[in-house]
Amino acid sequence: MILQVGGMNMVKLINIGFGNIASASRIISIVSPESQPIKRLIKIARDENKLIDATYGRRTRAVIVMDSDHVILSSVQPETVSGRLIQQEDDSDES
């Protein structure tokens, strides 16, 4: 999804599950939450009020790290989120 804001500025958005949307251009990485370093990253983000829980109480399957140091928890598989991102890039290249 591409949103036009204020004339020529284009913001690419990606669905991260349950109707939640994040800015695709600000994503640094999409990782699995299983490893201890990622669990520490989540705890640090929670302590600094930079954690966004978009799981709706479901199991966390993807951790999305943003360039603003925010961390987003999603219940969608990392492969699914990255696939949506790649598909969106392919669609924008064709137009």
PDB file of N, CA and C in Angstrom:
ATOM      1  N   MET A   1       0.848  -1.165   0.000  1.00  0.00           N
ATOM      2  CA  MET A   1       0.000   0.000   0.000  1.00  0.00           C
ATOM      3  C   MET A   1       0.898   1.233   0.000  1.00  0.00           C
ATOM      4  N   ILE A   2       0.592   2.180  -0.853  1.00  0.00           N
ATOM      5  CA  ILE A   2       1.346   3.429  -0.922  1.00  0.00           C
ATOM      6  C   ILE A   2       0.388   4.561  -0.590  1.00  0.00           C
ATOM      7  N   LEU A   3       0.801   5.403   0.331  1.00  0.00           N
ATOM      8  CA  LEU A   3      -0.020   6.519   0.779  1.00  0.00           C
ATOM      9  C   LEU A   3       0.645   7.808   0.357  1.00  0.00           C
ATOM     10  N   GLN A   4      -0.105   8.660  -0.316  1.00  0.00           N
ATOM     11  CA  GLN A   4       0.437   9.951  -0.724  1.00  0.00           C
ATOM     12  C   GLN A   4       0.076  10.972   0.341  1.00  0.00           C
ATOM     13  N   VAL A   5       1.105  11.627   0.870  1.00  0.00           N
ATOM     14  CA  VAL A   5       0.913  12.608   1.928  1.00  0.00           C
ATOM     15  C   VAL A   5       1.487  13.930   1.466  1.00  0.00           C
ATOM     16  N   GLY A   6       0.669  14.950   1.433  1.00  0.00           N
ATOM     17  CA  GLY A   6       1.142  16.293   1.119  1.00  0.00           C
ATOM     18  C   GLY A   6       1.829  16.438  -0.222  1.00  0.00           C
ATOM     19  N   GLY A   7       1.169  16.046  -1.277  1.00  0.00           N
ATOM     20  CA  GLY A   7       1.729  16.255  -2.612  1.00  0.00           C
ATOM     21  C   GLY A   7       2.539  15.072  -3.100  1.00  0.00           C
ATOM     22  N   MET A   8       3.854  15.251  -3.247  1.00  0.00           N
ATOM     23  CA  MET A   8       4.697  14.250  -3.870  1.00  0.00           C
ATOM     24  C   MET A   8       5.271  13.213  -2.906  1.00  0.00           C
ATOM     25  N   ASN A   9       5.182  13.423  -1.621  1.00  0.00           N
ATOM     26  CA  ASN A   9       5.764  12.482  -0.673  1.00  0.00           C
ATOM     27  C   ASN A   9       4.988  11.171  -0.693  1.00  0.00           C
ATOM     28  N   MET A  10       5.711  10.069  -0.901  1.00  0.00           N
ATOM     29  CA  MET A  10       5.091   8.753  -0.941  1.00  0.00           C
ATOM     30  C   MET A  10       5.571   7.948   0.258  1.00  0.00           C
ATOM     31  N   VAL A  11       4.637   7.396   1.010  1.00  0.00           N
ATOM     32  CA  VAL A  11       4.965   6.570   2.155  1.00  0.00           C
ATOM     33  C   VAL A  11       4.514   5.149   1.828  1.00  0.00           C
ATOM     34  N   LYS A  12       5.460   4.209   1.810  1.00  0.00           N
ATOM     35  CA  LYS A  12       5.112   2.811   1.560  1.00  0.00           C
ATOM     36  C   LYS A  12       4.774   2.159   2.884  1.00  0.00           C
ATOM     37  N   LEU A  13       3.602   1.534   2.932  1.00  0.00           N
ATOM     38  CA  LEU A  13       3.115   0.900   4.150  1.00  0.00           C
ATOM     39  C   LEU A  13       3.007  -0.600   3.924  1.00  0.00           C
ATOM     40  N   ILE A  14       3.214  -1.370   4.993  1.00  0.00           N
ATOM     41  CA  ILE A  14       3.128  -2.822   4.897  1.00  0.00           C
ATOM     42  C   ILE A  14       2.221  -3.347   6.007  1.00  0.00           C
ATOM     43  N   ASN A  15       1.386  -4.307   5.650  1.00  0.00           N
ATOM     44  CA  ASN A  15       0.486  -4.930   6.615  1.00  0.00           C
ATOM     45  C   ASN A  15       1.305  -5.897   7.478  1.00  0.00           C
ATOM     46  N   ILE A  16       1.252  -5.717   8.798  1.00  0.00           N
ATOM     47  CA  ILE A  16       1.999  -6.585   9.709  1.00  0.00           C
ATOM     48  C   ILE A  16       1.060  -7.494  10.496  1.00  0.00           C
ATOM     49  N   GLY A  17      -0.188  -7.573  10.062  1.00  0.00           N
ATOM     50  CA  GLY A  17      -1.156  -8.476  10.672  1.00  0.00           C
ATOM     51  C   GLY A  17      -2.280  -7.771  11.390  1.00  0.00           C
ATOM     52  N   PHE A  18      -3.477  -8.339  11.279  1.00  0.00           N
ATOM     53  CA  PHE A  18      -4.688  -7.853  11.955  1.00  0.00           C
ATOM     54  C   PHE A  18      -4.986  -6.395  11.632  1.00  0.00           C
ATOM     55  N   GLY A  19      -4.712  -5.979  10.412  1.00  0.00           N
ATOM     56  CA  GLY A  19      -5.005  -4.619   9.998  1.00  0.00           C
ATOM     57  C   GLY A  19      -4.009  -3.590  10.482  1.00  0.00           C
ATOM     58  N   ASN A  20      -2.948  -4.023  11.138  1.00  0.00           N
ATOM     59  CA  ASN A  20      -1.904  -3.108  11.596  1.00  0.00           C
ATOM     60  C   ASN A  20      -0.921  -2.865  10.455  1.00  0.00           C
ATOM     61  N   ILE A  21      -0.458  -1.640  10.361  1.00  0.00           N
ATOM     62  CA  ILE A  21       0.382  -1.231   9.243  1.00  0.00           C
ATOM     63  C   ILE A  21       1.602  -0.501   9.769  1.00  0.00           C
ATOM     64  N   ALA A  22       2.755  -0.760   9.142  1.00  0.00           N
ATOM     65  CA  ALA A  22       3.997  -0.081   9.511  1.00  0.00           C
ATOM     66  C   ALA A  22       4.603   0.536   8.260  1.00  0.00           C
ATOM     67  N   SER A  23       5.453   1.515   8.454  1.00  0.00           N
ATOM     68  CA  SER A  23       6.138   2.158   7.343  1.00  0.00           C
ATOM     69  C   SER A  23       7.231   1.230   6.828  1.00  0.00           C
ATOM     70  N   ALA A  24       7.088   0.777   5.596  1.00  0.00           N
ATOM     71  CA  ALA A  24       8.025  -0.191   5.019  1.00  0.00           C
ATOM     72  C   ALA A  24       9.429   0.383   4.887  1.00  0.00           C
ATOM     73  N   SER A  25       9.536   1.649   4.597  1.00  0.00           N
ATOM     74  CA  SER A  25      10.857   2.251   4.375  1.00  0.00           C
ATOM     75  C   SER A  25      11.646   2.434   5.662  1.00  0.00           C
ATOM     76  N   ARG A  26      11.008   2.271   6.812  1.00  0.00           N
ATOM     77  CA  ARG A  26      11.686   2.480   8.088  1.00  0.00           C
ATOM     78  C   ARG A  26      12.061   1.175   8.781  1.00  0.00           C
ATOM     79  N   ILE A  27      11.768   0.045   8.132  1.00  0.00           N
ATOM     80  CA  ILE A  27      12.094  -1.259   8.709  1.00  0.00           C
ATOM     81  C   ILE A  27      13.575  -1.554   8.502  1.00  0.00           C
ATOM     82  N   ILE A  28      14.247  -1.918   9.593  1.00  0.00           N
ATOM     83  CA  ILE A  28      15.651  -2.319   9.525  1.00  0.00           C
ATOM     84  C   ILE A  28      15.747  -3.831   9.365  1.00  0.00           C
ATOM     85  N   SER A  29      14.986  -4.567  10.184  1.00  0.00           N
ATOM     86  CA  SER A  29      15.039  -6.025  10.086  1.00  0.00           C
ATOM     87  C   SER A  29      13.742  -6.647  10.577  1.00  0.00           C
ATOM     88  N   ILE A  30      13.517  -7.878  10.121  1.00  0.00           N
ATOM     89  CA  ILE A  30      12.378  -8.683  10.544  1.00  0.00           C
ATOM     90  C   ILE A  30      12.974 -10.007  10.994  1.00  0.00           C
ATOM     91  N   VAL A  31      12.863 -10.307  12.288  1.00  0.00           N
ATOM     92  CA  VAL A  31      13.527 -11.485  12.837  1.00  0.00           C
ATOM     93  C   VAL A  31      12.569 -12.330  13.659  1.00  0.00           C
ATOM     94  N   SER A  32      12.982 -13.555  13.918  1.00  0.00           N
ATOM     95  CA  SER A  32      12.236 -14.460  14.771  1.00  0.00           C
ATOM     96  C   SER A  32      12.524 -14.117  16.235  1.00  0.00           C
ATOM     97  N   PRO A  33      11.554 -14.283  17.120  1.00  0.00           N
ATOM     98  CA  PRO A  33      11.740 -13.897  18.529  1.00  0.00           C
ATOM     99  C   PRO A  33      12.396 -14.974  19.395  1.00  0.00           C
ATOM    100  N   GLU A  34      12.884 -16.044  18.806  1.00  0.00           N
ATOM    101  CA  GLU A  34      13.331 -17.197  19.570  1.00  0.00           C
ATOM    102  C   GLU A  34      14.666 -17.029  20.282  1.00  0.00           C
ATOM    103  N   SER A  35      15.581 -16.245  19.745  1.00  0.00           N
ATOM    104  CA  SER A  35      16.930 -16.189  20.317  1.00  0.00           C
ATOM    105  C   SER A  35      16.990 -15.272  21.543  1.00  0.00           C
ATOM    106  N   GLN A  36      17.955 -15.534  22.391  1.00  0.00           N
ATOM    107  CA  GLN A  36      18.123 -14.748  23.616  1.00  0.00           C
ATOM    108  C   GLN A  36      18.453 -13.276  23.319  1.00  0.00           C
ATOM    109  N   PRO A  37      19.303 -12.966  22.335  1.00  0.00           N
ATOM    110  CA  PRO A  37      19.556 -11.546  22.040  1.00  0.00           C
ATOM    111  C   PRO A  37      18.295 -10.783  21.608  1.00  0.00           C
ATOM    112  N   ILE A  38      17.421 -11.430  20.865  1.00  0.00           N
ATOM    113  CA  ILE A  38      16.174 -10.775  20.444  1.00  0.00           C
ATOM    114  C   ILE A  38      15.248 -10.592  21.642  1.00  0.00           C
ATOM    115  N   LYS A  39      15.229 -11.568  22.544  1.00  0.00           N
ATOM    116  CA  LYS A  39      14.433 -11.425  23.764  1.00  0.00           C
ATOM    117  C   LYS A  39      14.936 -10.254  24.603  1.00  0.00           C
ATOM    118  N   ARG A  40      16.265 -10.064  24.660  1.00  0.00           N
ATOM    119  CA  ARG A  40      16.830  -8.919  25.382  1.00  0.00           C
ATOM    120  C   ARG A  40      16.448  -7.615  24.690  1.00  0.00           C
ATOM    121  N   LEU A  41      16.483  -7.619  23.354  1.00  0.00           N
ATOM    122  CA  LEU A  41      16.092  -6.428  22.595  1.00  0.00           C
ATOM    123  C   LEU A  41      14.649  -6.045  22.903  1.00  0.00           C
ATOM    124  N   ILE A  42      13.770  -7.028  22.986  1.00  0.00           N
ATOM    125  CA  ILE A  42      12.365  -6.777  23.313  1.00  0.00           C
ATOM    126  C   ILE A  42      12.240  -6.193  24.720  1.00  0.00           C
ATOM    127  N   LYS A  43      12.979  -6.752  25.666  1.00  0.00           N
ATOM    128  CA  LYS A  43      12.925  -6.254  27.041  1.00  0.00           C
ATOM    129  C   LYS A  43      13.422  -4.813  27.130  1.00  0.00           C
ATOM    130  N   ILE A  44      14.510  -4.512  26.442  1.00  0.00           N
ATOM    131  CA  ILE A  44      15.049  -3.142  26.435  1.00  0.00           C
ATOM    132  C   ILE A  44      14.029  -2.178  25.837  1.00  0.00           C
ATOM    133  N   ALA A  45      13.414  -2.567  24.716  1.00  0.00           N
ATOM    134  CA  ALA A  45      12.408  -1.720  24.072  1.00  0.00           C
ATOM    135  C   ALA A  45      11.220  -1.497  25.006  1.00  0.00           C
ATOM    136  N   ARG A  46      10.807  -2.540  25.716  1.00  0.00           N
ATOM    137  CA  ARG A  46       9.692  -2.412  26.675  1.00  0.00           C
ATOM    138  C   ARG A  46      10.063  -1.433  27.788  1.00  0.00           C
ATOM    139  N   ASP A  47      11.283  -1.576  28.315  1.00  0.00           N
ATOM    140  CA  ASP A  47      11.733  -0.696  29.404  1.00  0.00           C
ATOM    141  C   ASP A  47      11.824   0.763  28.967  1.00  0.00           C
ATOM    142  N   GLU A  48      12.143   0.990  27.687  1.00  0.00           N
ATOM    143  CA  GLU A  48      12.281   2.352  27.159  1.00  0.00           C
ATOM    144  C   GLU A  48      10.996   2.868  26.513  1.00  0.00           C
ATOM    145  N   ASN A  49       9.893   2.139  26.679  1.00  0.00           N
ATOM    146  CA  ASN A  49       8.597   2.498  26.075  1.00  0.00           C
ATOM    147  C   ASN A  49       8.686   2.640  24.561  1.00  0.00           C
ATOM    148  N   LYS A  50       9.440   1.767  23.931  1.00  0.00           N
ATOM    149  CA  LYS A  50       9.571   1.772  22.475  1.00  0.00           C
ATOM    150  C   LYS A  50       9.097   0.455  21.872  1.00  0.00           C
ATOM    151  N   LEU A  51       8.315  -0.294  22.646  1.00  0.00           N
ATOM    152  CA  LEU A  51       7.785  -1.566  22.178  1.00  0.00           C
ATOM    153  C   LEU A  51       6.342  -1.376  21.729  1.00  0.00           C
ATOM    154  N   ILE A  52       6.029  -1.863  20.547  1.00  0.00           N
ATOM    155  CA  ILE A  52       4.668  -1.817  20.018  1.00  0.00           C
ATOM    156  C   ILE A  52       4.210  -3.255  19.853  1.00  0.00           C
ATOM    157  N   ASP A  53       3.208  -3.651  20.612  1.00  0.00           N
ATOM    158  CA  ASP A  53       2.697  -5.019  20.566  1.00  0.00           C
ATOM    159  C   ASP A  53       1.487  -5.061  19.642  1.00  0.00           C
ATOM    160  N   ALA A  54       1.674  -5.637  18.464  1.00  0.00           N
ATOM    161  CA  ALA A  54       0.601  -5.733  17.474  1.00  0.00           C
ATOM    162  C   ALA A  54       0.129  -7.179  17.328  1.00  0.00           C
ATOM    163  N   THR A  55       0.257  -7.964  18.415  1.00  0.00           N
ATOM    164  CA  THR A  55      -0.092  -9.384  18.342  1.00  0.00           C
ATOM    165  C   THR A  55      -1.539  -9.682  18.728  1.00  0.00           C
ATOM    166  N   TYR A  56      -2.211  -8.733  19.354  1.00  0.00           N
ATOM    167  CA  TYR A  56      -3.583  -8.933  19.836  1.00  0.00           C
ATOM    168  C   TYR A  56      -3.668 -10.148  20.758  1.00  0.00           C
ATOM    169  N   GLY A  57      -2.634 -10.325  21.583  1.00  0.00           N
ATOM    170  CA  GLY A  57      -2.632 -11.409  22.555  1.00  0.00           C
ATOM    171  C   GLY A  57      -2.213 -12.753  22.006  1.00  0.00           C
ATOM    172  N   ARG A  58      -1.888 -12.810  20.756  1.00  0.00           N
ATOM    173  CA  ARG A  58      -1.447 -14.070  20.157  1.00  0.00           C
ATOM    174  C   ARG A  58       0.064 -14.226  20.317  1.00  0.00           C
ATOM    175  N   ARG A  59       0.551 -15.372  19.925  1.00  0.00           N
ATOM    176  CA  ARG A  59       1.975 -15.673  20.028  1.00  0.00           C
ATOM    177  C   ARG A  59       2.775 -14.763  19.100  1.00  0.00           C
ATOM    178  N   THR A  60       3.892 -14.242  19.597  1.00  0.00           N
ATOM    179  CA  THR A  60       4.773 -13.402  18.783  1.00  0.00           C
ATOM    180  C   THR A  60       5.567 -14.292  17.845  1.00  0.00           C
ATOM    181  N   ARG A  61       5.473 -14.028  16.553  1.00  0.00           N
ATOM    182  CA  ARG A  61       6.194 -14.820  15.563  1.00  0.00           C
ATOM    183  C   ARG A  61       7.224 -14.010  14.799  1.00  0.00           C
ATOM    184  N   ALA A  62       7.059 -12.686  14.802  1.00  0.00           N
ATOM    185  CA  ALA A  62       8.030 -11.825  14.124  1.00  0.00           C
ATOM    186  C   ALA A  62       8.294 -10.599  14.986  1.00  0.00           C
ATOM    187  N   VAL A  63       9.546 -10.192  14.993  1.00  0.00           N
ATOM    188  CA  VAL A  63       9.962  -8.972  15.674  1.00  0.00           C
ATOM    189  C   VAL A  63      10.492  -8.038  14.594  1.00  0.00           C
ATOM    190  N   ILE A  64       9.877  -6.875  14.490  1.00  0.00           N
ATOM    191  CA  ILE A  64      10.238  -5.911  13.449  1.00  0.00           C
ATOM    192  C   ILE A  64      10.979  -4.764  14.121  1.00  0.00           C
ATOM    193  N   VAL A  65      12.218  -4.551  13.691  1.00  0.00           N
ATOM    194  CA  VAL A  65      13.052  -3.491  14.251  1.00  0.00           C
ATOM    195  C   VAL A  65      13.001  -2.305  13.298  1.00  0.00           C
ATOM    196  N   MET A  66      12.649  -1.145  13.853  1.00  0.00           N
ATOM    197  CA  MET A  66      12.504   0.063  13.043  1.00  0.00           C
ATOM    198  C   MET A  66      13.726   0.966  13.218  1.00  0.00           C
ATOM    199  N   ASP A  67      13.926   1.890  12.291  1.00  0.00           N
ATOM    200  CA  ASP A  67      15.075   2.792  12.369  1.00  0.00           C
ATOM    201  C   ASP A  67      14.944   3.831  13.473  1.00  0.00           C
ATOM    202  N   SER A  68      13.789   3.929  14.087  1.00  0.00           N
ATOM    203  CA  SER A  68      13.562   4.863  15.198  1.00  0.00           C
ATOM    204  C   SER A  68      13.827   4.198  16.546  1.00  0.00           C
ATOM    205  N   ASP A  69      14.397   3.006  16.537  1.00  0.00           N
ATOM    206  CA  ASP A  69      14.642   2.185  17.728  1.00  0.00           C
ATOM    207  C   ASP A  69      13.369   1.587  18.312  1.00  0.00           C
ATOM    208  N   HIS A  70      12.250   1.713  17.622  1.00  0.00           N
ATOM    209  CA  HIS A  70      11.026   1.048  18.051  1.00  0.00           C
ATOM    210  C   HIS A  70      11.104  -0.416  17.638  1.00  0.00           C
ATOM    211  N   VAL A  71      10.467  -1.257  18.415  1.00  0.00           N
ATOM    212  CA  VAL A  71      10.398  -2.684  18.132  1.00  0.00           C
ATOM    213  C   VAL A  71       8.927  -3.059  18.078  1.00  0.00           C
ATOM    214  N   ILE A  72       8.517  -3.705  16.993  1.00  0.00           N
ATOM    215  CA  ILE A  72       7.122  -4.088  16.803  1.00  0.00           C
ATOM    216  C   ILE A  72       7.026  -5.606  16.886  1.00  0.00           C
ATOM    217  N   LEU A  73       6.095  -6.086  17.703  1.00  0.00           N
ATOM    218  CA  LEU A  73       5.825  -7.516  17.796  1.00  0.00           C
ATOM    219  C   LEU A  73       4.632  -7.843  16.911  1.00  0.00           C
ATOM    220  N   SER A  74       4.782  -8.880  16.087  1.00  0.00           N
ATOM    221  CA  SER A  74       3.717  -9.281  15.183  1.00  0.00           C
ATOM    222  C   SER A  74       3.469 -10.776  15.325  1.00  0.00           C
ATOM    223  N   SER A  75       2.235 -11.196  15.134  1.00  0.00           N
ATOM    224  CA  SER A  75       1.914 -12.617  15.194  1.00  0.00           C
ATOM    225  C   SER A  75       1.977 -13.269  13.818  1.00  0.00           C
ATOM    226  N   VAL A  76       2.457 -12.532  12.834  1.00  0.00           N
ATOM    227  CA  VAL A  76       2.632 -13.051  11.481  1.00  0.00           C
ATOM    228  C   VAL A  76       4.076 -13.535  11.338  1.00  0.00           C
ATOM    229  N   GLN A  77       4.260 -14.633  10.634  1.00  0.00           N
ATOM    230  CA  GLN A  77       5.599 -15.187  10.423  1.00  0.00           C
ATOM    231  C   GLN A  77       6.519 -14.168   9.737  1.00  0.00           C
ATOM    232  N   PRO A  78       7.826 -14.147  10.092  1.00  0.00           N
ATOM    233  CA  PRO A  78       8.761 -13.226   9.434  1.00  0.00           C
ATOM    234  C   PRO A  78       8.780 -13.392   7.909  1.00  0.00           C
ATOM    235  N   GLU A  79       8.661 -14.636   7.441  1.00  0.00           N
ATOM    236  CA  GLU A  79       8.661 -14.893   5.995  1.00  0.00           C
ATOM    237  C   GLU A  79       7.462 -14.249   5.314  1.00  0.00           C
ATOM    238  N   THR A  80       6.329 -14.241   6.003  1.00  0.00           N
ATOM    239  CA  THR A  80       5.120 -13.629   5.444  1.00  0.00           C
ATOM    240  C   THR A  80       5.279 -12.122   5.347  1.00  0.00           C
ATOM    241  N   VAL A  81       5.792 -11.503   6.405  1.00  0.00           N
ATOM    242  CA  VAL A  81       5.990 -10.051   6.400  1.00  0.00           C
ATOM    243  C   VAL A  81       6.990  -9.663   5.318  1.00  0.00           C
ATOM    244  N   SER A  82       8.113 -10.384   5.237  1.00  0.00           N
ATOM    245  CA  SER A  82       9.122 -10.051   4.217  1.00  0.00           C
ATOM    246  C   SER A  82       8.577 -10.312   2.819  1.00  0.00           C
ATOM    247  N   GLY A  83       7.764 -11.356   2.664  1.00  0.00           N
ATOM    248  CA  GLY A  83       7.140 -11.622   1.366  1.00  0.00           C
ATOM    249  C   GLY A  83       6.234 -10.489   0.932  1.00  0.00           C
ATOM    250  N   ARG A  84       5.486  -9.932   1.869  1.00  0.00           N
ATOM    251  CA  ARG A  84       4.626  -8.782   1.557  1.00  0.00           C
ATOM    252  C   ARG A  84       5.463  -7.576   1.159  1.00  0.00           C
ATOM    253  N   LEU A  85       6.592  -7.408   1.834  1.00  0.00           N
ATOM    254  CA  LEU A  85       7.481  -6.294   1.532  1.00  0.00           C
ATOM    255  C   LEU A  85       8.073  -6.447   0.140  1.00  0.00           C
ATOM    256  N   ILE A  86       8.526  -7.645  -0.183  1.00  0.00           N
ATOM    257  CA  ILE A  86       9.105  -7.913  -1.500  1.00  0.00           C
ATOM    258  C   ILE A  86       8.049  -7.764  -2.589  1.00  0.00           C
ATOM    259  N   GLN A  87       6.855  -8.291  -2.341  1.00  0.00           N
ATOM    260  CA  GLN A  87       5.766  -8.176  -3.323  1.00  0.00           C
ATOM    261  C   GLN A  87       5.427  -6.719  -3.589  1.00  0.00           C
ATOM    262  N   GLN A  88       5.406  -5.920  -2.529  1.00  0.00           N
ATOM    263  CA  GLN A  88       5.096  -4.500  -2.679  1.00  0.00           C
ATOM    264  C   GLN A  88       6.168  -3.803  -3.508  1.00  0.00           C
ATOM    265  N   GLU A  89       7.434  -4.139  -3.289  1.00  0.00           N
ATOM    266  CA  GLU A  89       8.525  -3.546  -4.064  1.00  0.00           C
ATOM    267  C   GLU A  89       8.421  -3.953  -5.531  1.00  0.00           C
ATOM    268  N   ASP A  90       8.079  -5.218  -5.783  1.00  0.00           N
ATOM    269  CA  ASP A  90       7.918  -5.677  -7.157  1.00  0.00           C
ATOM    270  C   ASP A  90       6.773  -4.944  -7.855  1.00  0.00           C
ATOM    271  N   ASP A  91       5.672  -4.744  -7.128  1.00  0.00           N
ATOM    272  CA  ASP A  91       4.521  -4.030  -7.694  1.00  0.00           C
ATOM    273  C   ASP A  91       4.868  -2.586  -8.017  1.00  0.00           C
ATOM    274  N   SER A  92       5.660  -1.928  -7.163  1.00  0.00           N
ATOM    275  CA  SER A  92       6.005  -0.533  -7.410  1.00  0.00           C
ATOM    276  C   SER A  92       7.033  -0.405  -8.541  1.00  0.00           C
ATOM    277  N   ASP A  93       7.851  -1.433  -8.762  1.00  0.00           N
ATOM    278  CA  ASP A  93       8.814  -1.408  -9.873  1.00  0.00           C
ATOM    279  C   ASP A  93       8.111  -1.505 -11.210  1.00  0.00           C
ATOM    280  N   GLU A  94       6.990  -2.212 -11.271  1.00  0.00           N
ATOM    281  CA  GLU A  94       6.256  -2.392 -12.504  1.00  0.00           C
ATOM    282  C   GLU A  94       5.515  -1.148 -12.936  1.00  0.00           C
ATOM    283  N   SER A  95       5.180  -0.249 -11.994  1.00  0.00           N
ATOM    284  CA  SER A  95       4.409   0.938 -12.364  1.00  0.00           C
ATOM    285  C   SER A  95       5.270   2.117 -12.661  1.00  0.00           C
TER     286      SER A  95
END
